[in-house]
PDB file of N, CA and C in Angstrom:
ATOM      1  N   MET A   1      21.071  12.111   3.747  1.00  0.00           N
ATOM      2  CA  MET A   1      19.648  11.689   4.278  1.00  0.00           C
ATOM      3  C   MET A   1      18.973  10.617   3.142  1.00  0.00           C
ATOM      4  N   ILE A   2      19.125  11.099   2.489  1.00  0.00           N
ATOM      5  CA  ILE A   2      18.273  10.239   0.993  1.00  0.00           C
ATOM      6  C   ILE A   2      19.460   9.685   0.471  1.00  0.00           C
ATOM      7  N   ASN A   3      20.139   9.673   0.042  1.00  0.00           N
ATOM      8  CA  ASN A   3      21.879   8.888   0.097  1.00  0.00           C
ATOM      9  C   ASN A   3      21.940   7.318   0.622  1.00  0.00           C
ATOM     10  N   LYS A   4      21.557   7.663   2.428  1.00  0.00           N
ATOM     11  CA  LYS A   4      21.361   7.151   3.443  1.00  0.00           C
ATOM     12  C   LYS A   4      20.281   5.764   3.294  1.00  0.00           C
ATOM     13  N   LYS A   5      18.856   6.462   2.776  1.00  0.00           N
ATOM     14  CA  LYS A   5      18.331   5.543   2.635  1.00  0.00           C
ATOM     15  C   LYS A   5      18.011   4.743   1.184  1.00  0.00           C
ATOM     16  N   ILE A   6      18.467   5.220   0.508  1.00  0.00           N
ATOM     17  CA  ILE A   6      18.414   5.078  -1.686  1.00  0.00           C
ATOM     18  C   ILE A   6      19.738   3.657  -0.765  1.00  0.00           C
ATOM     19  N   GLY A   7      20.812   3.704  -0.081  1.00  0.00           N
ATOM     20  CA  GLY A   7      21.625   2.689   0.359  1.00  0.00           C
ATOM     21  C   GLY A   7      21.155   1.409   0.885  1.00  0.00           C
ATOM     22  N   GLU A   8      20.311   1.971   1.695  1.00  0.00           N
ATOM     23  CA  GLU A   8      19.279   1.063   2.547  1.00  0.00           C
ATOM     24  C   GLU A   8      19.193  -0.054   2.465  1.00  0.00           C
ATOM     25  N   LYS A   9      18.344   0.652   0.884  1.00  0.00           N
ATOM     26  CA  LYS A   9      16.893  -0.138   0.422  1.00  0.00           C
ATOM     27  C   LYS A   9      17.521  -0.969  -0.889  1.00  0.00           C
ATOM     28  N   LEU A  10      19.186  -0.394  -1.347  1.00  0.00           N
ATOM     29  CA  LEU A  10      19.630  -1.008  -2.120  1.00  0.00           C
ATOM     30  C   LEU A  10      20.614  -2.485  -1.430  1.00  0.00           C
ATOM     31  N   LYS A  11      20.979  -2.743   0.002  1.00  0.00           N
ATOM     32  CA  LYS A  11      21.426  -3.610   0.611  1.00  0.00           C
ATOM     33  C   LYS A  11      20.439  -4.242   1.090  1.00  0.00           C
ATOM     34  N   THR A  12      19.086  -4.194   1.104  1.00  0.00           N
ATOM     35  CA  THR A  12      18.043  -4.877   1.513  1.00  0.00           C
ATOM     36  C   THR A  12      17.993  -5.715   0.199  1.00  0.00           C
ATOM     37  N   LYS A  13      17.501  -5.272  -0.996  1.00  0.00           N
ATOM     38  CA  LYS A  13      17.645  -5.992  -1.693  1.00  0.00           C
ATOM     39  C   LYS A  13      18.601  -6.882  -2.530  1.00  0.00           C
ATOM     40  N   ARG A  14      20.000  -6.364  -2.586  1.00  0.00           N
ATOM     41  CA  ARG A  14      20.958  -7.404  -2.897  1.00  0.00           C
ATOM     42  C   ARG A  14      21.007  -8.647  -2.046  1.00  0.00           C
ATOM     43  N   ILE A  15      20.941  -8.530  -0.491  1.00  0.00           N
ATOM     44  CA  ILE A  15      20.814  -9.299   0.621  1.00  0.00           C
ATOM     45  C   ILE A  15      19.836 -10.813   0.473  1.00  0.00           C
ATOM     46  N   MET A  16      18.569  -9.503   0.091  1.00  0.00           N
ATOM     47  CA  MET A  16      17.074 -10.974  -0.341  1.00  0.00           C
ATOM     48  C   MET A  16      17.295 -11.513  -1.877  1.00  0.00           C
ATOM     49  N   LEU A  17      17.904 -10.988  -3.063  1.00  0.00           N
ATOM     50  CA  LEU A  17      18.796 -11.478  -3.534  1.00  0.00           C
ATOM     51  C   LEU A  17      20.092 -12.880  -3.530  1.00  0.00           C
ATOM     52  N   GLY A  18      20.637 -12.479  -2.902  1.00  0.00           N
ATOM     53  CA  GLY A  18      21.480 -13.613  -1.906  1.00  0.00           C
ATOM     54  C   GLY A  18      22.823 -12.864  -2.760  1.00  0.00           C
ATOM     55  N   LEU A  19      22.791 -11.620  -3.495  1.00  0.00           N
ATOM     56  CA  LEU A  19      23.962 -11.233  -3.445  1.00  0.00           C
ATOM     57  C   LEU A  19      25.300 -10.551  -2.375  1.00  0.00           C
ATOM     58  N   SER A  20      26.647 -10.628  -3.001  1.00  0.00           N
ATOM     59  CA  SER A  20      27.479 -10.299  -2.309  1.00  0.00           C
ATOM     60  C   SER A  20      27.546  -9.107  -2.754  1.00  0.00           C
ATOM     61  N   GLN A  21      28.291  -7.890  -2.207  1.00  0.00           N
ATOM     62  CA  GLN A  21      28.521  -7.395  -2.693  1.00  0.00           C
ATOM     63  C   GLN A  21      29.621  -7.044  -3.694  1.00  0.00           C
ATOM     64  N   LYS A  22      30.678  -7.686  -3.811  1.00  0.00           N
ATOM     65  CA  LYS A  22      31.144  -8.275  -4.653  1.00  0.00           C
ATOM     66  C   LYS A  22      30.746  -8.600  -6.290  1.00  0.00           C
ATOM     67  N   ASP A  23      29.357  -9.752  -5.893  1.00  0.00           N
ATOM     68  CA  ASP A  23      28.853  -9.971  -6.652  1.00  0.00           C
ATOM     69  C   ASP A  23      27.886  -8.321  -7.445  1.00  0.00           C
ATOM     70  N   LEU A  24      27.145  -8.055  -6.955  1.00  0.00           N
ATOM     71  CA  LEU A  24      26.561  -6.592  -7.230  1.00  0.00           C
ATOM     72  C   LEU A  24      27.816  -5.979  -8.112  1.00  0.00           C
ATOM     73  N   ALA A  25      28.819  -5.731  -7.492  1.00  0.00           N
ATOM     74  CA  ALA A  25      30.092  -4.899  -7.942  1.00  0.00           C
ATOM     75  C   ALA A  25      29.611  -5.640 -10.014  1.00  0.00           C
ATOM     76  N   LEU A  26      30.008  -6.072  -9.683  1.00  0.00           N
ATOM     77  CA  LEU A  26      30.597  -7.007 -11.549  1.00  0.00           C
ATOM     78  C   LEU A  26      29.485  -6.826 -12.261  1.00  0.00           C
ATOM     79  N   LYS A  27      28.420  -7.011 -12.007  1.00  0.00           N
ATOM     80  CA  LYS A  27      27.222  -7.017 -12.519  1.00  0.00           C
ATOM     81  C   LYS A  27      27.149  -5.164 -13.183  1.00  0.00           C
ATOM     82  N   LEU A  28      27.214  -4.205 -12.123  1.00  0.00           N
ATOM     83  CA  LEU A  28      27.749  -3.019 -11.682  1.00  0.00           C
ATOM     84  C   LEU A  28      28.606  -2.278 -12.728  1.00  0.00           C
ATOM     85  N   ASN A  29      29.527  -3.246 -12.897  1.00  0.00           N
ATOM     86  CA  ASN A  29      30.764  -2.778 -13.280  1.00  0.00           C
ATOM     87  C   ASN A  29      31.359  -1.598 -12.790  1.00  0.00           C
ATOM     88  N   VAL A  30      31.599  -2.040 -11.294  1.00  0.00           N
ATOM     89  CA  VAL A  30      31.821  -0.935 -10.250  1.00  0.00           C
ATOM     90  C   VAL A  30      32.462  -2.504  -9.451  1.00  0.00           C
ATOM     91  N   THR A  31      33.973  -1.634  -8.425  1.00  0.00           N
ATOM     92  CA  THR A  31      34.291  -2.325  -7.568  1.00  0.00           C
ATOM     93  C   THR A  31      32.971  -2.451  -6.081  1.00  0.00           C
ATOM     94  N   PHE A  32      33.525  -3.455  -5.476  1.00  0.00           N
ATOM     95  CA  PHE A  32      33.086  -3.807  -4.330  1.00  0.00           C
ATOM     96  C   PHE A  32      32.925  -2.942  -3.365  1.00  0.00           C
ATOM     97  N   GLN A  33      34.153  -1.956  -3.301  1.00  0.00           N
ATOM     98  CA  GLN A  33      34.389  -0.849  -2.477  1.00  0.00           C
ATOM     99  C   GLN A  33      33.699   0.298  -2.464  1.00  0.00           C
ATOM    100  N   GLN A  34      32.579   0.673  -3.641  1.00  0.00           N
ATOM    101  CA  GLN A  34      32.105   1.558  -4.113  1.00  0.00           C
ATOM    102  C   GLN A  34      30.590   0.703  -4.237  1.00  0.00           C
ATOM    103  N   VAL A  35      29.760  -0.462  -3.976  1.00  0.00           N
ATOM    104  CA  VAL A  35      28.884  -0.813  -2.867  1.00  0.00           C
ATOM    105  C   VAL A  35      28.892  -0.314  -2.167  1.00  0.00           C
ATOM    106  N   GLN A  36      30.173  -0.851  -1.243  1.00  0.00           N
ATOM    107  CA  GLN A  36      30.202  -0.862   0.607  1.00  0.00           C
ATOM    108  C   GLN A  36      29.482   1.238   0.151  1.00  0.00           C
ATOM    109  N   LYS A  37      30.604   1.968  -0.016  1.00  0.00           N
ATOM    110  CA  LYS A  37      29.895   3.570  -0.497  1.00  0.00           C
ATOM    111  C   LYS A  37      28.824   3.529  -0.747  1.00  0.00           C
ATOM    112  N   TYR A  38      27.959   3.302  -1.378  1.00  0.00           N
ATOM    113  CA  TYR A  38      26.395   3.323  -1.634  1.00  0.00           C
ATOM    114  C   TYR A  38      25.352   2.607  -0.853  1.00  0.00           C
ATOM    115  N   GLU A  39      25.872   1.748  -0.268  1.00  0.00           N
ATOM    116  CA  GLU A  39      24.885   0.849   0.668  1.00  0.00           C
ATOM    117  C   GLU A  39      25.506   2.189   1.831  1.00  0.00           C
ATOM    118  N   LYS A  40      26.020   2.192   2.282  1.00  0.00           N
ATOM    119  CA  LYS A  40      26.434   3.620   3.655  1.00  0.00           C
ATOM    120  C   LYS A  40      25.753   4.974   2.944  1.00  0.00           C
ATOM    121  N   GLY A  41      25.551   5.024   1.378  1.00  0.00           N
ATOM    122  CA  GLY A  41      25.451   6.009   1.722  1.00  0.00           C
ATOM    123  C   GLY A  41      26.115   7.323   1.718  1.00  0.00           C
ATOM    124  N   LYS A  42      27.960   6.765   1.518  1.00  0.00           N
ATOM    125  CA  LYS A  42      28.836   7.985   1.389  1.00  0.00           C
ATOM    126  C   LYS A  42      28.718   8.647  -0.208  1.00  0.00           C
ATOM    127  N   ASN A  43      28.539   7.475  -0.486  1.00  0.00           N
ATOM    128  CA  ASN A  43      28.324   7.895  -2.037  1.00  0.00           C
ATOM    129  C   ASN A  43      27.098   7.832  -2.718  1.00  0.00           C
ATOM    130  N   LYS A  44      26.841   9.228  -3.502  1.00  0.00           N
ATOM    131  CA  LYS A  44      25.369   9.478  -4.245  1.00  0.00           C
ATOM    132  C   LYS A  44      25.470   8.104  -5.444  1.00  0.00           C
ATOM    133  N   ILE A  45      24.049   7.303  -5.249  1.00  0.00           N
ATOM    134  CA  ILE A  45      23.973   6.936  -6.795  1.00  0.00           C
ATOM    135  C   ILE A  45      23.209   8.052  -8.328  1.00  0.00           C
ATOM    136  N   SER A  46      23.961   7.491  -9.176  1.00  0.00           N
ATOM    137  CA  SER A  46      23.601   8.193 -10.463  1.00  0.00           C
ATOM    138  C   SER A  46      22.766   7.609 -11.025  1.00  0.00           C
ATOM    139  N   ALA A  47      21.339   8.612 -11.718  1.00  0.00           N
ATOM    140  CA  ALA A  47      21.003   7.576 -12.491  1.00  0.00           C
ATOM    141  C   ALA A  47      20.950   6.404 -13.361  1.00  0.00           C
ATOM    142  N   GLY A  48      21.240   6.858 -13.850  1.00  0.00           N
ATOM    143  CA  GLY A  48      22.068   5.359 -14.715  1.00  0.00           C
ATOM    144  C   GLY A  48      22.215   4.059 -14.039  1.00  0.00           C
ATOM    145  N   THR A  49      23.077   4.126 -13.124  1.00  0.00           N
ATOM    146  CA  THR A  49      23.310   3.323 -11.923  1.00  0.00           C
ATOM    147  C   THR A  49      21.939   2.971 -10.899  1.00  0.00           C
ATOM    148  N   LEU A  50      21.267   3.414 -11.029  1.00  0.00           N
ATOM    149  CA  LEU A  50      19.414   3.293 -10.292  1.00  0.00           C
ATOM    150  C   LEU A  50      18.963   2.306 -11.223  1.00  0.00           C
ATOM    151  N   TYR A  51      19.027   2.591 -12.557  1.00  0.00           N
ATOM    152  CA  TYR A  51      18.656   2.140 -13.798  1.00  0.00           C
ATOM    153  C   TYR A  51      18.689   0.854 -13.721  1.00  0.00           C
ATOM    154  N   LYS A  52      20.519   0.713 -13.757  1.00  0.00           N
ATOM    155  CA  LYS A  52      21.202  -1.116 -14.015  1.00  0.00           C
ATOM    156  C   LYS A  52      20.016  -2.170 -12.468  1.00  0.00           C
ATOM    157  N   LEU A  53      20.206  -0.872 -11.529  1.00  0.00           N
ATOM    158  CA  LEU A  53      19.944  -1.893 -10.462  1.00  0.00           C
ATOM    159  C   LEU A  53      18.170  -2.363 -10.421  1.00  0.00           C
ATOM    160  N   SER A  54      17.555  -1.163 -10.895  1.00  0.00           N
ATOM    161  CA  SER A  54      16.291  -1.625 -11.069  1.00  0.00           C
ATOM    162  C   SER A  54      16.655  -3.481 -12.154  1.00  0.00           C
ATOM    163  N   ASN A  55      16.900  -3.000 -12.896  1.00  0.00           N
ATOM    164  CA  ASN A  55      17.080  -3.793 -13.879  1.00  0.00           C
ATOM    165  C   ASN A  55      17.191  -5.316 -13.747  1.00  0.00           C
ATOM    166  N   ILE A  56      18.558  -4.951 -12.333  1.00  0.00           N
ATOM    167  CA  ILE A  56      19.585  -6.136 -11.778  1.00  0.00           C
ATOM    168  C   ILE A  56      18.267  -6.660 -11.179  1.00  0.00           C
ATOM    169  N   PHE A  57      17.790  -6.100 -10.166  1.00  0.00           N
ATOM    170  CA  PHE A  57      16.764  -6.159  -9.143  1.00  0.00           C
ATOM    171  C   PHE A  57      15.128  -6.531  -9.599  1.00  0.00           C
ATOM    172  N   ASN A  58      14.931  -6.310 -10.660  1.00  0.00           N
ATOM    173  CA  ASN A  58      13.622  -6.326 -11.594  1.00  0.00           C
ATOM    174  C   ASN A  58      12.813  -5.815 -10.527  1.00  0.00           C
ATOM    175  N   ILE A  59      13.055  -4.831 -10.524  1.00  0.00           N
ATOM    176  CA  ILE A  59      11.631  -4.086  -9.574  1.00  0.00           C
ATOM    177  C   ILE A  59      11.893  -2.203 -10.406  1.00  0.00           C
ATOM    178  N   PRO A  60      11.040  -1.386 -10.420  1.00  0.00           N
ATOM    179  CA  PRO A  60      11.028  -0.293 -10.795  1.00  0.00           C
ATOM    180  C   PRO A  60      12.045   0.960  -9.979  1.00  0.00           C
ATOM    181  N   MET A  61      12.497   1.887 -10.366  1.00  0.00           N
ATOM    182  CA  MET A  61      13.389   2.668  -9.937  1.00  0.00           C
ATOM    183  C   MET A  61      12.407   3.435  -8.979  1.00  0.00           C
ATOM    184  N   ILE A  62      11.317   3.465  -9.020  1.00  0.00           N
ATOM    185  CA  ILE A  62      10.885   4.517  -7.359  1.00  0.00           C
ATOM    186  C   ILE A  62      10.946   4.148  -6.275  1.00  0.00           C
ATOM    187  N   SER A  63      10.610   2.538  -6.889  1.00  0.00           N
ATOM    188  CA  SER A  63      10.969   1.456  -5.129  1.00  0.00           C
ATOM    189  C   SER A  63      12.220   1.964  -4.496  1.00  0.00           C
ATOM    190  N   PHE A  64      13.089   2.575  -5.037  1.00  0.00           N
ATOM    191  CA  PHE A  64      14.488   3.176  -4.212  1.00  0.00           C
ATOM    192  C   PHE A  64      13.860   4.366  -3.543  1.00  0.00           C
ATOM    193  N   PHE A  65      12.956   4.859  -3.946  1.00  0.00           N
ATOM    194  CA  PHE A  65      12.854   6.145  -3.510  1.00  0.00           C
ATOM    195  C   PHE A  65      11.322   6.287  -2.060  1.00  0.00           C
ATOM    196  N   GLY A  66      10.418   5.395  -2.255  1.00  0.00           N
ATOM    197  CA  GLY A  66       9.374   4.978  -1.435  1.00  0.00           C
ATOM    198  C   GLY A  66       9.523   4.973  -0.426  1.00  0.00           C
ATOM    199  N   GLU A  67       8.601   4.857   0.873  1.00  0.00           N
ATOM    200  CA  GLU A  67       8.631   4.936   1.986  1.00  0.00           C
ATOM    201  C   GLU A  67       8.199   3.723   2.596  1.00  0.00           C
ATOM    202  N   GLU A  68       9.243   3.184   3.459  1.00  0.00           N
ATOM    203  CA  GLU A  68       9.060   1.738   4.186  1.00  0.00           C
ATOM    204  C   GLU A  68       7.948   1.851   5.411  1.00  0.00           C
ATOM    205  N   ASP A  69       7.032   0.604   5.870  1.00  0.00           N
ATOM    206  CA  ASP A  69       6.359   0.385   6.795  1.00  0.00           C
ATOM    207  C   ASP A  69       7.676   0.525   8.261  1.00  0.00           C
ATOM    208  N   LYS A  70       7.273   2.179   8.881  1.00  0.00           N
ATOM    209  CA  LYS A  70       7.892   2.653  10.043  1.00  0.00           C
ATOM    210  C   LYS A  70       8.027   1.374  11.095  1.00  0.00           C
ATOM    211  N   SER A  71       6.412   0.590  11.208  1.00  0.00           N
ATOM    212  CA  SER A  71       6.048  -0.032  12.685  1.00  0.00           C
ATOM    213  C   SER A  71       7.494  -1.298  13.137  1.00  0.00           C
ATOM    214  N   GLU A  72       7.816  -1.076  14.492  1.00  0.00           N
ATOM    215  CA  GLU A  72       8.694  -1.504  14.995  1.00  0.00           C
ATOM    216  C   GLU A  72       8.866  -2.974  14.299  1.00  0.00           C
ATOM    217  N   GLU A  73       7.661  -3.428  14.779  1.00  0.00           N
ATOM    218  CA  GLU A  73       6.946  -4.996  14.515  1.00  0.00           C
ATOM    219  C   GLU A  73       7.802  -5.370  13.158  1.00  0.00           C
ATOM    220  N   ASN A  74       7.232  -4.384  11.932  1.00  0.00           N
ATOM    221  CA  ASN A  74       7.582  -4.706  10.909  1.00  0.00           C
ATOM    222  C   ASN A  74       9.184  -4.977  10.575  1.00  0.00           C
ATOM    223  N   ASN A  75       9.891  -3.824  11.069  1.00  0.00           N
ATOM    224  CA  ASN A  75      11.527  -3.635  10.886  1.00  0.00           C
ATOM    225  C   ASN A  75      12.331  -5.028  11.740  1.00  0.00           C
ATOM    226  N   LEU A  76      11.571  -4.939  12.804  1.00  0.00           N
ATOM    227  CA  LEU A  76      12.634  -6.191  13.172  1.00  0.00           C
ATOM    228  C   LEU A  76      11.945  -7.381  12.791  1.00  0.00           C
ATOM    229  N   THR A  77      11.041  -7.789  11.803  1.00  0.00           N
ATOM    230  CA  THR A  77      10.621  -9.136  11.424  1.00  0.00           C
ATOM    231  C   THR A  77      11.862  -9.081  10.055  1.00  0.00           C
ATOM    232  N   ASN A  78      11.778  -7.029   8.925  1.00  0.00           N
ATOM    233  CA  ASN A  78      12.350  -7.306   8.072  1.00  0.00           C
ATOM    234  C   ASN A  78      13.163  -8.087   8.465  1.00  0.00           C
ATOM    235  N   ARG A  79      14.459  -7.191   9.799  1.00  0.00           N
ATOM    236  CA  ARG A  79      15.246  -7.439   9.736  1.00  0.00           C
ATOM    237  C   ARG A  79      16.156  -9.239   9.925  1.00  0.00           C
ATOM    238  N   MET A  80      15.011  -9.472  10.861  1.00  0.00           N
ATOM    239  CA  MET A  80      15.238 -11.084  11.177  1.00  0.00           C
ATOM    240  C   MET A  80      14.913 -11.501   9.838  1.00  0.00           C
ATOM    241  N   VAL A  81      14.397 -12.003   8.696  1.00  0.00           N
ATOM    242  CA  VAL A  81      13.961 -12.388   7.932  1.00  0.00           C
ATOM    243  C   VAL A  81      15.426 -12.133   6.689  1.00  0.00           C
ATOM    244  N   LEU A  82      15.919 -10.702   6.646  1.00  0.00           N
ATOM    245  CA  LEU A  82      17.520 -10.728   6.057  1.00  0.00           C
ATOM    246  C   LEU A  82      18.671 -11.763   6.780  1.00  0.00           C
ATOM    247  N   GLU A  83      18.238 -11.475   7.823  1.00  0.00           N
ATOM    248  CA  GLU A  83      19.444 -12.395   8.843  1.00  0.00           C
ATOM    249  C   GLU A  83      19.407 -13.801   8.417  1.00  0.00           C
ATOM    250  N   ILE A  84      18.401 -14.372   8.176  1.00  0.00           N
ATOM    251  CA  ILE A  84      18.173 -15.541   8.188  1.00  0.00           C
ATOM    252  C   ILE A  84      17.975 -16.221   6.594  1.00  0.00           C
ATOM    253  N   VAL A  85      17.819 -14.703   5.824  1.00  0.00           N
ATOM    254  CA  VAL A  85      18.289 -15.424   3.899  1.00  0.00           C
ATOM    255  C   VAL A  85      19.892 -14.914   3.717  1.00  0.00           C
ATOM    256  N   LYS A  86      20.325 -14.363   4.804  1.00  0.00           N
ATOM    257  CA  LYS A  86      21.776 -13.871   4.561  1.00  0.00           C
ATOM    258  C   LYS A  86      22.486 -15.302   5.414  1.00  0.00           C
ATOM    259  N   ASN A  87      22.164 -16.039   6.294  1.00  0.00           N
ATOM    260  CA  ASN A  87      23.108 -17.131   7.084  1.00  0.00           C
ATOM    261  C   ASN A  87      22.711 -17.991   5.812  1.00  0.00           C
ATOM    262  N   CYS A  88      21.212 -18.884   5.371  1.00  0.00           N
ATOM    263  CA  CYS A  88      21.216 -19.685   4.631  1.00  0.00           C
ATOM    264  C   CYS A  88      22.137 -19.364   3.276  1.00  0.00           C
ATOM    265  N   ASN A  89      22.682 -18.766   2.676  1.00  0.00           N
ATOM    266  CA  ASN A  89      23.467 -18.572   1.481  1.00  0.00           C
ATOM    267  C   ASN A  89      24.505 -18.861   1.815  1.00  0.00           C
ATOM    268  N   LYS A  90      24.654 -19.554   2.997  1.00  0.00           N
ATOM    269  CA  LYS A  90      25.872 -19.982   3.516  1.00  0.00           C
ATOM    270  C   LYS A  90      25.843 -21.909   3.517  1.00  0.00           C
ATOM    271  N   LEU A  91      24.508 -22.020   3.529  1.00  0.00           N
ATOM    272  CA  LEU A  91      24.460 -23.372   4.523  1.00  0.00           C
ATOM    273  C   LEU A  91      24.645 -23.803   3.040  1.00  0.00           C
ATOM    274  N   GLN A  92      24.848 -25.609   3.355  1.00  0.00           N
ATOM    275  CA  GLN A  92      24.609 -26.802   1.900  1.00  0.00           C
ATOM    276  C   GLN A  92      23.650 -27.175   1.351  1.00  0.00           C
ATOM    277  N   PRO A  93      23.442 -26.829   0.578  1.00  0.00           N
ATOM    278  CA  PRO A  93      21.699 -27.353  -0.444  1.00  0.00           C
ATOM    279  C   PRO A  93      21.143 -28.608   0.574  1.00  0.00           C
ATOM    280  N   ASN A  94      22.199 -29.482   1.606  1.00  0.00           N
ATOM    281  CA  ASN A  94      20.946 -30.944   2.036  1.00  0.00           C
ATOM    282  C   ASN A  94      20.190 -30.007   3.227  1.00  0.00           C
ATOM    283  N   ILE A  95      21.288 -28.915   4.119  1.00  0.00           N
ATOM    284  CA  ILE A  95      20.970 -28.654   5.279  1.00  0.00           C
ATOM    285  C   ILE A  95      19.766 -27.485   4.809  1.00  0.00           C
ATOM    286  N   LEU A  96      19.678 -26.280   3.726  1.00  0.00           N
ATOM    287  CA  LEU A  96      19.294 -25.322   3.351  1.00  0.00           C
ATOM    288  C   LEU A  96      17.812 -25.941   2.896  1.00  0.00           C
ATOM    289  N   GLU A  97      17.979 -27.521   3.093  1.00  0.00           N
ATOM    290  CA  GLU A  97      16.819 -28.233   2.381  1.00  0.00           C
ATOM    291  C   GLU A  97      15.822 -28.909   3.245  1.00  0.00           C
ATOM    292  N   LYS A  98      16.646 -29.330   4.655  1.00  0.00           N
ATOM    293  CA  LYS A  98      16.125 -29.939   5.435  1.00  0.00           C
ATOM    294  C   LYS A  98      15.131 -27.981   6.142  1.00  0.00           C
ATOM    295  N   ILE A  99      15.906 -27.063   6.567  1.00  0.00           N
ATOM    296  CA  ILE A  99      15.421 -25.701   7.093  1.00  0.00           C
ATOM    297  C   ILE A  99      14.071 -24.992   6.189  1.00  0.00           C
ATOM    298  N   SER A 100      14.005 -25.593   4.761  1.00  0.00           N
ATOM    299  CA  SER A 100      13.268 -24.866   4.306  1.00  0.00           C
ATOM    300  C   SER A 100      11.618 -25.693   4.638  1.00  0.00           C
ATOM    301  N   ASP A 101      12.330 -26.879   4.714  1.00  0.00           N
ATOM    302  CA  ASP A 101      10.742 -28.448   5.272  1.00  0.00           C
ATOM    303  C   ASP A 101      10.087 -27.987   6.743  1.00  0.00           C
ATOM    304  N   LEU A 102      11.068 -27.277   7.604  1.00  0.00           N
ATOM    305  CA  LEU A 102      10.818 -27.059   8.899  1.00  0.00           C
ATOM    306  C   LEU A 102      10.083 -25.918   9.008  1.00  0.00           C
ATOM    307  N   ILE A 103      10.706 -24.994   8.047  1.00  0.00           N
ATOM    308  CA  ILE A 103      10.147 -23.689   8.355  1.00  0.00           C
ATOM    309  C   ILE A 103       8.212 -23.851   7.665  1.00  0.00           C
ATOM    310  N   ARG A 104       8.253 -24.329   6.614  1.00  0.00           N
ATOM    311  CA  ARG A 104       6.920 -24.852   5.707  1.00  0.00           C
ATOM    312  C   ARG A 104       6.418 -25.429   7.059  1.00  0.00           C
ATOM    313  N   GLU A 105       6.803 -26.555   7.956  1.00  0.00           N
ATOM    314  CA  GLU A 105       5.895 -27.526   8.404  1.00  0.00           C
ATOM    315  C   GLU A 105       5.109 -26.637   9.947  1.00  0.00           C
ATOM    316  N   VAL A 106       5.850 -25.378   9.949  1.00  0.00           N
ATOM    317  CA  VAL A 106       5.700 -25.021  11.340  1.00  0.00           C
ATOM    318  C   VAL A 106       5.222 -23.603  11.465  1.00  0.00           C
ATOM    319  N   SER A 107       4.926 -23.273   9.788  1.00  0.00           N
ATOM    320  CA  SER A 107       4.196 -21.938   9.533  1.00  0.00           C
ATOM    321  C   SER A 107       2.693 -22.381   8.871  1.00  0.00           C
ATOM    322  N   ARG A 108       2.322 -23.597   8.970  1.00  0.00           N
ATOM    323  CA  ARG A 108       0.780 -23.821   8.671  1.00  0.00           C
ATOM    324  C   ARG A 108       0.245 -23.679   9.945  1.00  0.00           C
TER     325      ARG A 108
END
């Protein structure tokens, strides 16, 4: 259960930084398949790897263990934001700039 929670947080933070599994694997000196296993909670993440991850993500190690907000509205919002970030990484810079301008405008 804890491995799955840590894996979910790992995936969320990776996506928020715009890193692919391959990118993160290179930084950790593991295969992308290993990153997949970490994210799915199939393999335990060692303390040393958690330390590396905390440095890569610039967060304290303890943040992998903290409780998340359980409200359904916040979970839905977080999923939508992650999906937007993931899809924006695929866009050309000029299109991304226009979308950013639009979001800034409608959020005022």
